[in-house]
């Protein structure tokens, strides 16, 4: 189960909406071994694509160095789908290289179909564990804070 605080949830959704129609991507780091998503880091989608995301390699390396220095690890790795449901594609599954991470997908499809912008149409926010190509959906619990 993924437990995430409301502010981080809102920040991920806002990032997905802001980058639409391109896919958004990012990482939420947390203390090593804690399973606590505490530090949200928006990343640049180097692919600049509505159907694919790719972390910028220089930016990703800098983030990993930062996480190592702070004894952190990627707790959540997220990206958005702009025209399909929030379920990992074959490409997403192939790229999943952090067996301990929660892979969050946000679909902005319904929101965009309702006109985008500041509308209140829902987004689909789902989390998965992806280990050795096996995808397992997990419950997401949003809490006021992790404190």
Foldseek 3Di string as FASTA:
>chain_A
DQEAAPVLVVVQVVQCLVLPLAKWWWFFKDAPPPLYRDRTDTFDQPVSHSADGDGDVVVVVVVVVVCVVVNIDGAEIEMEHEADAFDDDQVNLVPPDDQNHKYKYKYCNQCVVVPRDPDPGDIDIWIWGRDPSDTDTDDYHYHNDPD
